[in-house]
Amino acid sequence: MCVLTQLCLPLSQQNELNSFLWTIKRDPPSYFFGTIHVPYTRVWDFIPENSKKAFQQSHIVYFELDLTDPYTISALTSCQLLPQGENLQDVLPRDIYRRLKRHLEYVKLMMPSWMTPDQRGKGLYADYLFNAIAGNWERKRPVWVMLMVNSLTEVDIKSRGVPVLDLFLAQEAERLRKTYQELCLFLPFPLPQVVFALNQTLLQQESLRAGSFQIPYTTEDLIKHYNCGDLSSIILNHDTSQVPNFINATLPAHERITAQEIDSYFRQELIYKRNERMGRRVKDLLEEHRDKSFFFAFGAGM
C-alpha cells in the first residue's frame, strides 16, 4: 500500500495492487467495481487487468446513471431546478445570494487563465465551459448550487473535456451492453440547513481566494488514493471533491451540530440509501438472469 505523499507506479511496474473489484461467486461469476468521478485518463493505467478483463467478459454492465442517454441528462438537469416561477434570489438570504453572485463572477473572470492549452486545442472555450457548469444557476435548488460551487475550482476546471471513468466505461459498453438509471439522488433538504451549507461553502471558497484556508482534501488526493488502491481512505467516502467537508474545530458548538447533521445527510443519501437501492436491484437481476454475468459499476464510496 502506498502513502499519499508517494506517487503510485503504473500497473506494469507494481507487483501488488489492491483492486476496487469484488467477485460475486456464482456460475457464471458477476462483479462489483468501484469507480470515481474523475477523468478516466488519470486512473485507467492504474486499474488492474483483472478488473478490465471482468468488464470485457461480462454479458451485461450496469451503472448508477446512464450518462450516454440524453433523457438521463435532461432529467438530471430538470430535477436540479426550483419549482416553476421560483428563483434562487427568492429563497436565499440577500447577503448569501450577493456573495454567491460575486464568487461566480470571480470564477467566470478567472476561468480563461485556468484552462489548459490542450483544452483550447480541443475547441473548449471558457464562456462555453462556464455556461455548461453554471448556466441557469439562478434557477437551481440551493443544494445543487452548493455542489456546483465546489466543482468550480482551478483543478477541476483543468480536467474538463475528458470523459470521467463512469462515462468512459459506459461509452465502451454502449453498443453491446445495457445500463439502468437512478435519477435525482437528493431528497428535499430543509432550507435552514441548505443555507448553512451554502454559507460554509462560500466561506471556504472566499478563504481559498484570500490564501487563508486549505481544503482537507482535493481531487488530486482522491485520484492518488484510488490509484494506490487505498480501500480504507475516508476520502473515498465522498467519491468526489464536490461534496464539501463542513465539520471543523473552529465552528461554534451549535454550528458543529448542524455541520454533523449535513454530513450525515449526505452519507445517508449518497451511500447508505444508494447501497440499499442498488442491493435490492442487484439481487433481483441476479435471480432473474442466472445464466448471465453482470458487471456492476458503482461509485467507490460504499
Protein backbone atom coordinates (compact mmCIF):
# COMPACT_ATOMS: atom_id res chain seq x y z
CA MET A 1 0.00 0.00 0.00
CA CYS A 2 1.44 3.36 -0.91
CA VAL A 3 1.28 6.56 1.12
CA LEU A 4 -0.48 9.71 -0.08
CA THR A 5 2.80 11.60 -0.46
CA GLN A 6 4.11 8.88 -2.80
CA LEU A 7 3.07 8.57 -6.41
CA CYS A 8 1.88 5.06 -7.23
CA LEU A 9 3.76 3.38 -10.04
CA PRO A 10 1.88 2.33 -13.18
CA LEU A 11 0.37 -1.13 -13.02
CA SER A 12 3.09 -2.68 -15.19
CA GLN A 13 5.68 -1.74 -12.57
CA GLN A 14 3.78 -2.93 -9.50
CA ASN A 15 3.83 -6.41 -8.03
CA GLU A 16 0.78 -5.93 -5.85
CA LEU A 17 -2.12 -3.50 -6.06
CA ASN A 18 -5.47 -3.52 -4.30
CA SER A 19 -8.39 -3.59 -6.69
CA PHE A 20 -11.80 -1.95 -6.43
CA LEU A 21 -13.24 -5.17 -7.86
CA TRP A 22 -15.29 -7.72 -5.92
CA THR A 23 -16.45 -11.06 -7.31
CA ILE A 24 -19.98 -12.37 -6.71
CA LYS A 25 -19.41 -16.11 -6.53
CA ARG A 26 -21.89 -17.78 -8.85
CA ASP A 27 -21.76 -19.55 -12.20
CA PRO A 28 -21.10 -17.52 -14.26
CA PRO A 29 -19.47 -15.03 -11.84
CA SER A 30 -20.61 -11.41 -11.56
CA TYR A 31 -18.72 -8.39 -10.28
CA PHE A 32 -18.90 -5.13 -8.33
CA PHE A 33 -16.46 -2.46 -9.48
CA GLY A 34 -15.88 0.83 -7.64
CA THR A 35 -15.47 3.88 -9.88
CA ILE A 36 -14.68 7.52 -9.14
CA HIS A 37 -15.98 10.60 -10.92
CA VAL A 38 -12.68 11.86 -12.34
CA PRO A 39 -11.18 11.92 -15.87
CA TYR A 40 -10.54 8.30 -16.86
CA THR A 41 -7.09 9.19 -18.21
CA ARG A 42 -5.96 9.93 -14.63
CA VAL A 43 -6.74 6.42 -13.37
CA TRP A 44 -7.04 4.00 -16.30
CA ASP A 45 -3.38 2.90 -16.33
CA PHE A 46 -3.63 2.01 -12.63
CA ILE A 47 -6.73 -0.18 -12.90
CA PRO A 48 -5.62 -3.83 -12.62
CA GLU A 49 -6.03 -6.13 -15.61
CA ASN A 50 -8.41 -8.42 -13.71
CA SER A 51 -10.88 -5.53 -13.47
CA LYS A 52 -10.61 -4.73 -17.18
CA LYS A 53 -10.96 -8.42 -18.05
CA ALA A 54 -14.09 -8.78 -15.89
CA PHE A 55 -15.61 -5.76 -17.66
CA GLN A 56 -14.85 -7.16 -21.11
CA GLN A 57 -16.11 -10.68 -20.38
CA SER A 58 -19.35 -9.80 -18.58
CA HIS A 59 -22.61 -10.13 -20.51
CA ILE A 60 -24.29 -7.03 -19.05
CA VAL A 61 -22.92 -3.85 -17.44
CA TYR A 62 -24.99 -1.73 -15.06
CA PHE A 63 -24.23 1.84 -13.93
CA GLU A 64 -25.77 4.17 -11.37
CA LEU A 65 -26.63 6.54 -14.21
CA ASP A 66 -26.72 6.05 -17.95
CA LEU A 67 -24.56 9.05 -18.79
CA THR A 68 -24.80 8.32 -22.51
CA ASP A 69 -28.60 8.76 -22.56
CA PRO A 70 -29.87 12.28 -23.45
CA TYR A 71 -33.05 11.61 -21.43
CA THR A 72 -30.98 10.90 -18.32
CA ILE A 73 -29.02 14.13 -18.73
CA SER A 74 -32.24 16.09 -19.30
CA ALA A 75 -33.92 14.51 -16.27
CA LEU A 76 -30.92 15.25 -14.06
CA THR A 77 -30.97 18.86 -15.19
CA SER A 78 -34.70 19.17 -14.50
CA CYS A 79 -34.56 17.72 -11.01
CA GLN A 80 -31.97 20.33 -10.04
CA LEU A 81 -34.35 23.21 -10.74
CA LEU A 82 -36.54 25.11 -8.32
CA PRO A 83 -40.32 24.96 -8.83
CA GLN A 84 -41.63 26.94 -11.79
CA GLY A 85 -41.67 30.67 -11.06
CA GLU A 86 -39.09 30.50 -8.23
CA ASN A 87 -35.56 31.87 -8.42
CA LEU A 88 -32.61 31.44 -6.09
CA GLN A 89 -32.87 35.10 -5.14
CA ASP A 90 -36.33 34.35 -3.73
CA VAL A 91 -35.18 31.58 -1.37
CA LEU A 92 -31.71 32.65 -0.21
CA PRO A 93 -30.87 35.40 2.29
CA ARG A 94 -29.84 38.55 0.46
CA ASP A 95 -26.24 38.53 1.75
CA ILE A 96 -25.58 34.93 0.71
CA TYR A 97 -27.13 35.49 -2.71
CA ARG A 98 -24.90 38.54 -3.27
CA ARG A 99 -21.78 36.66 -2.14
CA LEU A 100 -22.68 33.74 -4.40
CA LYS A 101 -23.14 36.05 -7.37
CA ARG A 102 -19.84 37.79 -6.62
CA HIS A 103 -17.99 34.46 -6.37
CA LEU A 104 -19.42 33.21 -9.67
CA GLU A 105 -18.36 36.48 -11.33
CA TYR A 106 -14.84 35.85 -9.97
CA VAL A 107 -14.84 32.29 -11.34
CA LYS A 108 -16.03 33.45 -14.76
CA LEU A 109 -13.27 36.07 -14.82
CA MET A 110 -10.57 33.56 -13.82
CA MET A 111 -11.69 30.63 -15.95
CA PRO A 112 -9.76 31.62 -19.13
CA SER A 113 -6.50 31.55 -17.14
CA TRP A 114 -7.42 28.20 -15.56
CA MET A 115 -7.91 26.39 -18.87
CA THR A 116 -5.11 24.36 -20.41
CA PRO A 117 -3.67 24.63 -23.94
CA ASP A 118 -4.94 21.08 -24.55
CA GLN A 119 -8.49 22.16 -23.71
CA ARG A 120 -8.25 25.11 -26.06
CA GLY A 121 -6.85 22.82 -28.75
CA LYS A 122 -9.99 20.69 -28.44
CA GLY A 123 -12.16 23.76 -29.04
CA LEU A 124 -13.22 24.35 -25.45
CA TYR A 125 -13.84 27.99 -24.58
CA ALA A 126 -14.07 29.46 -21.10
CA ASP A 127 -17.51 31.02 -21.63
CA TYR A 128 -18.89 27.77 -23.01
CA LEU A 129 -17.45 25.76 -20.11
CA PHE A 130 -18.75 28.21 -17.51
CA ASN A 131 -22.24 28.09 -19.00
CA ALA A 132 -22.13 24.29 -19.22
CA ILE A 133 -21.42 24.07 -15.47
CA ALA A 134 -23.11 27.16 -14.04
CA GLY A 135 -25.61 28.15 -16.68
CA ASN A 136 -29.08 28.97 -15.32
CA TRP A 137 -27.69 28.88 -11.77
CA GLU A 138 -30.34 31.35 -10.58
CA ARG A 139 -32.96 28.63 -11.11
CA LYS A 140 -31.14 25.75 -9.37
CA ARG A 141 -32.02 24.38 -5.95
CA PRO A 142 -29.58 25.63 -3.27
CA VAL A 143 -28.15 22.16 -2.54
CA TRP A 144 -27.17 21.75 -6.20
CA VAL A 145 -25.71 25.25 -6.27
CA MET A 146 -23.54 24.31 -3.30
CA LEU A 147 -22.19 21.26 -5.16
CA MET A 148 -21.72 23.38 -8.29
CA VAL A 149 -19.63 25.94 -6.41
CA ASN A 150 -17.36 23.18 -5.12
CA SER A 151 -16.75 21.96 -8.69
CA LEU A 152 -15.79 25.41 -9.96
CA THR A 153 -12.15 25.26 -8.88
CA GLU A 154 -8.99 25.58 -10.95
CA VAL A 155 -8.06 21.90 -10.55
CA ASP A 156 -11.50 20.68 -11.55
CA ILE A 157 -11.77 23.08 -14.49
CA LYS A 158 -8.43 21.85 -15.88
CA SER A 159 -9.82 18.30 -16.01
CA ARG A 160 -12.94 19.18 -18.02
CA GLY A 161 -13.23 17.86 -21.55
CA VAL A 162 -12.08 14.30 -20.78
CA PRO A 163 -14.78 11.68 -20.01
CA VAL A 164 -14.92 10.67 -16.36
CA LEU A 165 -14.29 6.98 -15.60
CA ASP A 166 -18.02 6.15 -15.33
CA LEU A 167 -18.80 7.77 -18.70
CA PHE A 168 -15.78 6.19 -20.39
CA LEU A 169 -16.92 2.72 -19.29
CA ALA A 170 -20.49 3.47 -20.40
CA GLN A 171 -19.25 4.58 -23.83
CA GLU A 172 -17.13 1.43 -24.11
CA ALA A 173 -20.14 -0.76 -23.30
CA GLU A 174 -22.83 1.22 -25.11
CA ARG A 175 -23.29 -0.85 -28.26
CA LEU A 176 -23.24 -4.27 -26.60
CA ARG A 177 -24.50 -3.73 -23.10
CA LYS A 178 -27.36 -2.46 -21.01
CA THR A 179 -27.50 0.34 -18.45
CA TYR A 180 -30.04 1.47 -15.91
CA GLN A 181 -30.86 4.83 -14.38
CA GLU A 182 -31.01 6.15 -10.83
CA LEU A 183 -32.10 9.78 -11.04
CA CYS A 184 -32.23 12.70 -8.59
CA LEU A 185 -30.24 11.40 -5.66
CA PHE A 186 -31.15 14.29 -3.35
CA LEU A 187 -34.39 14.38 -1.39
CA PRO A 188 -35.85 17.71 -0.21
CA PHE A 189 -33.38 19.29 2.20
CA PRO A 190 -34.55 21.71 4.93
CA LEU A 191 -33.80 25.26 3.77
CA PRO A 192 -32.07 26.42 7.01
CA GLN A 193 -29.53 23.59 6.66
CA VAL A 194 -29.08 24.31 2.96
CA VAL A 195 -28.41 27.98 3.71
CA PHE A 196 -25.88 26.97 6.39
CA ALA A 197 -24.16 24.58 3.95
CA LEU A 198 -24.03 27.14 1.14
CA ASN A 199 -22.71 29.79 3.52
CA GLN A 200 -19.93 27.46 4.72
CA THR A 201 -19.11 26.58 1.12
CA LEU A 202 -18.81 30.25 0.18
CA LEU A 203 -16.70 30.94 3.28
CA GLN A 204 -14.31 28.16 2.25
CA GLN A 205 -14.05 29.44 -1.32
CA GLU A 206 -13.59 33.04 -0.16
CA SER A 207 -10.86 31.93 2.23
CA LEU A 208 -9.19 29.93 -0.54
CA ARG A 209 -9.17 33.04 -2.72
CA ALA A 210 -7.62 35.01 0.12
CA GLY A 211 -5.00 32.30 0.70
CA SER A 212 -6.03 31.78 4.33
CA PHE A 213 -7.54 28.31 4.01
CA GLN A 214 -6.60 24.92 2.59
CA ILE A 215 -9.29 22.33 1.93
CA PRO A 216 -8.82 19.00 3.77
CA TYR A 217 -8.59 17.01 0.53
CA THR A 218 -8.68 17.70 -3.18
CA THR A 219 -9.48 15.85 -6.38
CA GLU A 220 -5.75 15.15 -6.65
CA ASP A 221 -5.82 13.42 -3.25
CA LEU A 222 -8.82 11.38 -4.34
CA ILE A 223 -7.04 10.23 -7.51
CA LYS A 224 -3.86 9.30 -5.62
CA HIS A 225 -5.76 7.18 -3.11
CA TYR A 226 -7.74 5.46 -5.85
CA ASN A 227 -4.65 4.74 -7.95
CA CYS A 228 -2.90 3.35 -4.90
CA GLY A 229 -5.82 1.01 -4.23
CA ASP A 230 -6.38 2.62 -0.82
CA LEU A 231 -9.62 0.94 0.20
CA SER A 232 -9.64 2.39 3.71
CA SER A 233 -9.32 6.08 2.89
CA ILE A 234 -12.13 8.27 4.22
CA ILE A 235 -11.61 10.45 1.15
CA LEU A 236 -13.25 7.79 -0.99
CA ASN A 237 -16.39 8.01 1.15
CA HIS A 238 -17.18 11.17 -0.79
CA ASP A 239 -16.38 9.85 -4.29
CA THR A 240 -15.92 13.44 -5.46
CA SER A 241 -14.49 16.68 -4.09
CA GLN A 242 -17.81 18.38 -4.94
CA VAL A 243 -19.19 17.35 -1.55
CA PRO A 244 -17.52 19.68 0.98
CA ASN A 245 -16.42 18.82 4.49
CA PHE A 246 -18.07 21.30 6.87
CA ILE A 247 -17.03 19.77 10.19
CA ASN A 248 -14.08 21.57 11.76
CA ALA A 249 -12.95 22.60 15.19
CA THR A 250 -13.35 26.34 14.52
CA LEU A 251 -17.15 26.14 14.35
CA PRO A 252 -19.19 27.13 17.42
CA ALA A 253 -20.84 24.17 19.15
CA HIS A 254 -24.33 24.76 17.71
CA GLU A 255 -22.96 25.15 14.17
CA ARG A 256 -20.86 21.99 14.56
CA ILE A 257 -24.07 20.08 15.29
CA THR A 258 -25.62 21.45 12.09
CA ALA A 259 -22.48 20.50 10.13
CA GLN A 260 -22.65 16.96 11.52
CA GLU A 261 -26.31 16.71 10.53
CA ILE A 262 -25.48 17.78 6.96
CA ASP A 263 -22.57 15.33 6.77
CA SER A 264 -24.89 12.56 8.00
CA TYR A 265 -27.48 13.55 5.40
CA PHE A 266 -25.02 13.27 2.51
CA ARG A 267 -23.68 9.98 3.88
CA GLN A 268 -27.21 8.62 4.27
CA GLU A 269 -28.39 9.72 0.81
CA LEU A 270 -25.23 9.22 -1.24
CA ILE A 271 -24.00 6.00 0.35
CA TYR A 272 -26.35 4.07 2.65
CA LYS A 273 -29.66 4.55 0.84
CA ARG A 274 -27.95 4.18 -2.52
CA ASN A 275 -26.43 0.88 -1.43
CA GLU A 276 -29.82 -0.37 -0.23
CA ARG A 277 -31.44 0.50 -3.58
CA MET A 278 -28.59 -0.99 -5.56
CA GLY A 279 -28.52 -4.11 -3.38
CA ARG A 280 -32.20 -4.84 -3.98
CA ARG A 281 -31.86 -4.33 -7.73
CA VAL A 282 -28.69 -6.41 -7.95
CA LYS A 283 -30.35 -9.27 -6.06
CA ASP A 284 -33.38 -9.21 -8.37
CA LEU A 285 -31.23 -9.12 -11.50
CA LEU A 286 -29.02 -12.00 -10.37
CA GLU A 287 -32.05 -14.13 -9.53
CA GLU A 288 -33.84 -13.26 -12.77
CA HIS A 289 -30.83 -13.87 -15.05
CA ARG A 290 -28.96 -16.81 -13.53
CA ASP A 291 -27.15 -17.56 -16.79
CA LYS A 292 -25.72 -14.04 -17.22
CA SER A 293 -22.53 -12.48 -15.91
CA PHE A 294 -23.06 -8.91 -14.63
CA PHE A 295 -20.56 -6.11 -14.11
CA PHE A 296 -21.98 -3.52 -11.68
CA ALA A 297 -20.04 -0.24 -11.79
CA PHE A 298 -20.89 1.97 -8.80
CA GLY A 299 -19.16 4.86 -7.04
CA ALA A 300 -16.35 3.55 -4.83
CA GLY A 301 -17.69 5.33 -1.73
CA MET A 302 -19.62 2.47 -0.11
